[in-house]
N, C-alpha and C. Protein backbone atom coordinates (compact mmCIF):
# COMPACT_ATOMS: atom_id res chain seq x y z
N UNK A 1 64.62 94.65 25.48
CA UNK A 1 64.35 95.99 25.04
C UNK A 1 63.98 96.00 23.55
N UNK A 2 64.62 95.13 22.77
CA UNK A 2 64.32 95.08 21.34
C UNK A 2 62.88 94.65 21.09
N UNK A 3 62.37 93.80 21.97
CA UNK A 3 60.97 93.36 21.83
C UNK A 3 60.01 94.53 22.01
N UNK A 4 60.29 95.38 22.99
CA UNK A 4 59.42 96.54 23.23
C UNK A 4 59.48 97.49 22.03
N UNK A 5 60.66 97.71 21.50
CA UNK A 5 60.79 98.60 20.34
C UNK A 5 60.09 98.01 19.12
N UNK A 6 60.24 96.70 18.91
CA UNK A 6 59.58 96.05 17.78
C UNK A 6 58.07 96.07 17.89
N UNK A 7 57.57 95.78 19.07
CA UNK A 7 56.11 95.79 19.26
C UNK A 7 55.55 97.21 19.16
N UNK A 8 56.33 98.19 19.60
CA UNK A 8 55.90 99.58 19.46
C UNK A 8 55.83 99.97 17.99
N UNK A 9 56.79 99.52 17.19
CA UNK A 9 56.76 99.81 15.76
C UNK A 9 55.54 99.18 15.10
N UNK A 10 55.21 97.97 15.49
CA UNK A 10 54.01 97.33 14.95
C UNK A 10 52.75 98.08 15.37
N UNK A 11 52.70 98.52 16.62
CA UNK A 11 51.54 99.28 17.10
C UNK A 11 51.41 100.61 16.38
N UNK A 12 52.52 101.27 16.10
CA UNK A 12 52.48 102.53 15.36
C UNK A 12 51.96 102.30 13.95
N UNK A 13 52.43 101.24 13.30
CA UNK A 13 51.95 100.93 11.95
C UNK A 13 50.47 100.62 11.93
N UNK A 14 50.00 99.87 12.91
CA UNK A 14 48.58 99.54 12.98
C UNK A 14 47.75 100.80 13.26
N UNK A 15 48.24 101.65 14.16
CA UNK A 15 47.52 102.87 14.50
C UNK A 15 47.37 103.79 13.29
N UNK A 16 48.45 103.99 12.56
CA UNK A 16 48.37 104.86 11.39
C UNK A 16 47.56 104.20 10.28
N UNK A 17 47.77 102.90 10.07
CA UNK A 17 47.07 102.19 9.00
C UNK A 17 45.57 102.14 9.20
N UNK A 18 45.13 101.76 10.38
CA UNK A 18 43.69 101.70 10.63
C UNK A 18 43.07 103.09 10.67
N UNK A 19 43.83 104.08 11.12
CA UNK A 19 43.32 105.45 11.08
C UNK A 19 43.07 105.91 9.66
N UNK A 20 44.03 105.63 8.78
CA UNK A 20 43.87 106.01 7.37
C UNK A 20 42.74 105.22 6.72
N UNK A 21 42.64 103.95 7.04
CA UNK A 21 41.57 103.12 6.49
C UNK A 21 40.20 103.62 6.93
N UNK A 22 40.06 103.94 8.20
CA UNK A 22 38.79 104.44 8.70
C UNK A 22 38.40 105.78 8.10
N UNK A 23 39.37 106.67 7.95
CA UNK A 23 39.08 107.97 7.34
C UNK A 23 38.71 107.80 5.88
N UNK A 24 39.41 106.91 5.18
CA UNK A 24 39.08 106.66 3.78
C UNK A 24 37.68 106.12 3.59
N UNK A 25 37.30 105.16 4.41
CA UNK A 25 35.95 104.61 4.33
C UNK A 25 34.92 105.67 4.72
N UNK A 26 35.20 106.41 5.77
CA UNK A 26 34.28 107.45 6.21
C UNK A 26 34.07 108.53 5.18
N UNK A 27 35.15 108.96 4.55
CA UNK A 27 35.00 110.00 3.53
C UNK A 27 34.28 109.47 2.30
N UNK A 28 34.50 108.22 1.97
CA UNK A 28 33.79 107.63 0.84
C UNK A 28 32.28 107.56 1.10
N UNK A 29 31.91 107.11 2.29
CA UNK A 29 30.49 107.06 2.64
C UNK A 29 29.88 108.46 2.70
N UNK A 30 30.62 109.38 3.28
CA UNK A 30 30.12 110.75 3.40
C UNK A 30 29.93 111.39 2.03
N UNK A 31 30.90 111.22 1.14
CA UNK A 31 30.78 111.78 -0.20
C UNK A 31 29.62 111.17 -0.97
N UNK A 32 29.44 109.87 -0.83
CA UNK A 32 28.33 109.22 -1.51
C UNK A 32 26.98 109.70 -1.01
N UNK A 33 26.87 109.84 0.29
CA UNK A 33 25.60 110.32 0.86
C UNK A 33 25.35 111.78 0.49
N UNK A 34 26.43 112.58 0.42
CA UNK A 34 26.26 113.96 0.00
C UNK A 34 25.74 114.02 -1.44
N UNK A 35 26.32 113.22 -2.31
CA UNK A 35 25.86 113.22 -3.70
C UNK A 35 24.41 112.75 -3.82
N UNK A 36 24.04 111.75 -3.02
CA UNK A 36 22.64 111.30 -3.00
C UNK A 36 21.71 112.42 -2.56
N UNK A 37 22.07 113.09 -1.47
CA UNK A 37 21.23 114.18 -0.96
C UNK A 37 21.15 115.34 -1.91
N UNK A 38 22.27 115.68 -2.57
CA UNK A 38 22.26 116.79 -3.52
C UNK A 38 21.47 116.43 -4.78
N UNK A 39 21.49 115.16 -5.16
CA UNK A 39 20.72 114.75 -6.34
C UNK A 39 19.23 114.73 -6.04
N UNK A 40 18.87 114.37 -4.81
CA UNK A 40 17.44 114.31 -4.46
C UNK A 40 16.84 115.70 -4.27
N UNK A 41 17.62 116.60 -3.64
CA UNK A 41 17.13 117.96 -3.39
C UNK A 41 18.22 118.96 -3.74
N UNK A 42 18.31 119.34 -5.01
CA UNK A 42 19.40 120.22 -5.44
C UNK A 42 19.39 121.59 -4.75
N UNK A 43 18.25 122.04 -4.28
CA UNK A 43 18.21 123.35 -3.63
C UNK A 43 18.90 123.35 -2.28
N UNK A 44 19.09 122.18 -1.69
CA UNK A 44 19.78 122.08 -0.40
C UNK A 44 21.28 121.80 -0.55
N UNK A 45 21.77 121.71 -1.77
CA UNK A 45 23.17 121.34 -2.00
C UNK A 45 24.16 122.27 -1.31
N UNK A 46 24.00 123.60 -1.36
CA UNK A 46 24.99 124.46 -0.66
C UNK A 46 25.03 124.23 0.86
N UNK A 47 23.88 124.03 1.46
CA UNK A 47 23.84 123.78 2.90
C UNK A 47 24.48 122.42 3.22
N UNK A 48 24.17 121.42 2.40
CA UNK A 48 24.75 120.09 2.61
C UNK A 48 26.26 120.11 2.39
N UNK A 49 26.70 120.90 1.42
CA UNK A 49 28.12 120.97 1.14
C UNK A 49 28.88 121.58 2.31
N UNK A 50 28.32 122.60 2.91
CA UNK A 50 28.96 123.22 4.07
C UNK A 50 29.08 122.23 5.22
N UNK A 51 28.00 121.51 5.46
CA UNK A 51 28.03 120.53 6.55
C UNK A 51 28.96 119.37 6.23
N UNK A 52 29.02 118.98 4.95
CA UNK A 52 29.91 117.89 4.56
C UNK A 52 31.36 118.29 4.80
N UNK A 53 31.75 119.50 4.42
CA UNK A 53 33.13 119.93 4.62
C UNK A 53 33.47 120.05 6.11
N UNK A 54 32.52 120.43 6.93
CA UNK A 54 32.75 120.48 8.37
C UNK A 54 33.01 119.08 8.92
N UNK A 55 32.22 118.11 8.50
CA UNK A 55 32.40 116.74 8.98
C UNK A 55 33.70 116.15 8.43
N UNK A 56 34.05 116.47 7.19
CA UNK A 56 35.32 115.99 6.63
C UNK A 56 36.50 116.53 7.44
N UNK A 57 36.42 117.79 7.84
CA UNK A 57 37.49 118.37 8.65
C UNK A 57 37.60 117.67 10.00
N UNK A 58 36.48 117.38 10.62
CA UNK A 58 36.51 116.66 11.90
C UNK A 58 37.01 115.24 11.73
N UNK A 59 36.63 114.60 10.65
CA UNK A 59 37.08 113.25 10.36
C UNK A 59 38.58 113.22 10.12
N UNK A 60 39.08 114.20 9.42
CA UNK A 60 40.51 114.29 9.16
C UNK A 60 41.27 114.60 10.45
N UNK A 61 40.67 115.36 11.33
CA UNK A 61 41.32 115.68 12.60
C UNK A 61 41.52 114.42 13.44
N UNK A 62 40.58 113.50 13.37
CA UNK A 62 40.72 112.24 14.12
C UNK A 62 41.95 111.48 13.63
N UNK A 63 42.14 111.45 12.31
CA UNK A 63 43.31 110.76 11.76
C UNK A 63 44.60 111.46 12.16
N UNK A 64 44.61 112.79 12.17
CA UNK A 64 45.81 113.52 12.54
C UNK A 64 46.16 113.32 14.02
N UNK A 65 45.15 113.18 14.86
CA UNK A 65 45.40 112.88 16.27
C UNK A 65 46.03 111.51 16.41
N UNK A 66 45.54 110.55 15.63
CA UNK A 66 46.14 109.21 15.62
C UNK A 66 47.58 109.22 15.16
N UNK A 67 47.88 110.02 14.13
CA UNK A 67 49.26 110.13 13.65
C UNK A 67 50.13 110.78 14.73
N UNK A 68 49.60 111.78 15.42
CA UNK A 68 50.36 112.42 16.49
C UNK A 68 50.69 111.45 17.62
N UNK A 69 49.72 110.65 18.00
CA UNK A 69 49.96 109.66 19.06
C UNK A 69 50.96 108.62 18.59
N UNK A 70 50.83 108.20 17.33
CA UNK A 70 51.77 107.22 16.78
C UNK A 70 53.19 107.77 16.75
N UNK A 71 53.35 109.02 16.35
CA UNK A 71 54.68 109.62 16.34
C UNK A 71 55.24 109.78 17.74
N UNK A 72 54.38 110.05 18.70
CA UNK A 72 54.83 110.11 20.10
C UNK A 72 55.40 108.77 20.52
N UNK A 73 54.69 107.69 20.20
CA UNK A 73 55.19 106.37 20.57
C UNK A 73 56.44 106.00 19.78
N UNK A 74 56.57 106.49 18.56
CA UNK A 74 57.73 106.14 17.75
C UNK A 74 58.99 106.86 18.22
N UNK A 75 58.88 108.12 18.63
CA UNK A 75 60.07 108.91 18.93
C UNK A 75 60.28 109.19 20.41
N UNK A 76 59.26 109.13 21.22
CA UNK A 76 59.41 109.38 22.65
C UNK A 76 58.71 108.26 23.41
N UNK A 77 59.16 107.06 23.17
CA UNK A 77 58.47 105.87 23.69
C UNK A 77 58.54 105.82 25.22
N UNK A 78 57.40 105.96 25.89
CA UNK A 78 57.42 105.91 27.37
C UNK A 78 57.64 104.50 27.90
N UNK A 79 57.42 103.49 27.07
CA UNK A 79 57.55 102.11 27.54
C UNK A 79 59.01 101.73 27.74
N UNK A 80 59.92 102.35 26.99
CA UNK A 80 61.33 102.03 27.16
C UNK A 80 61.82 102.51 28.52
N UNK A 81 61.38 103.71 28.93
CA UNK A 81 61.75 104.21 30.25
C UNK A 81 61.20 103.34 31.37
N UNK A 82 60.00 102.86 31.24
CA UNK A 82 59.42 101.98 32.24
C UNK A 82 60.17 100.65 32.28
N UNK A 83 60.57 100.15 31.10
CA UNK A 83 61.30 98.90 31.05
C UNK A 83 62.67 99.05 31.70
N UNK A 84 63.34 100.17 31.45
CA UNK A 84 64.64 100.40 32.06
C UNK A 84 64.52 100.56 33.56
N UNK A 85 63.46 101.21 34.02
CA UNK A 85 63.27 101.37 35.47
C UNK A 85 62.97 100.02 36.14
N UNK A 86 62.22 99.17 35.43
CA UNK A 86 61.84 97.88 36.01
C UNK A 86 63.04 96.93 36.05
N UNK A 87 63.90 96.99 35.04
CA UNK A 87 65.04 96.08 35.00
C UNK A 87 66.27 96.64 35.69
N UNK A 88 66.21 97.94 36.02
CA UNK A 88 67.34 98.56 36.72
C UNK A 88 68.50 98.91 35.79
N UNK A 89 68.19 99.00 34.50
CA UNK A 89 69.29 99.27 33.56
C UNK A 89 69.22 100.54 32.88
């Protein structure tokens, strides 16, 4: 049982870590491209800014879903119940 709990903790850490890493890289690329687009065509900056904030919100939502799934595995681990049912304990 300790192995399942330990591996779940590692999976939770990887899930949250890679989620944060992906969002950080994505926001960096998005911000850079927004600045490029606004510098090339300043008259389109308000429209680009609106679209950028919409995409940032969606990108952040992906990370929050990952955190929610990770917290589910951390506090309501379904694998422990399956392990107990399989071993009869």
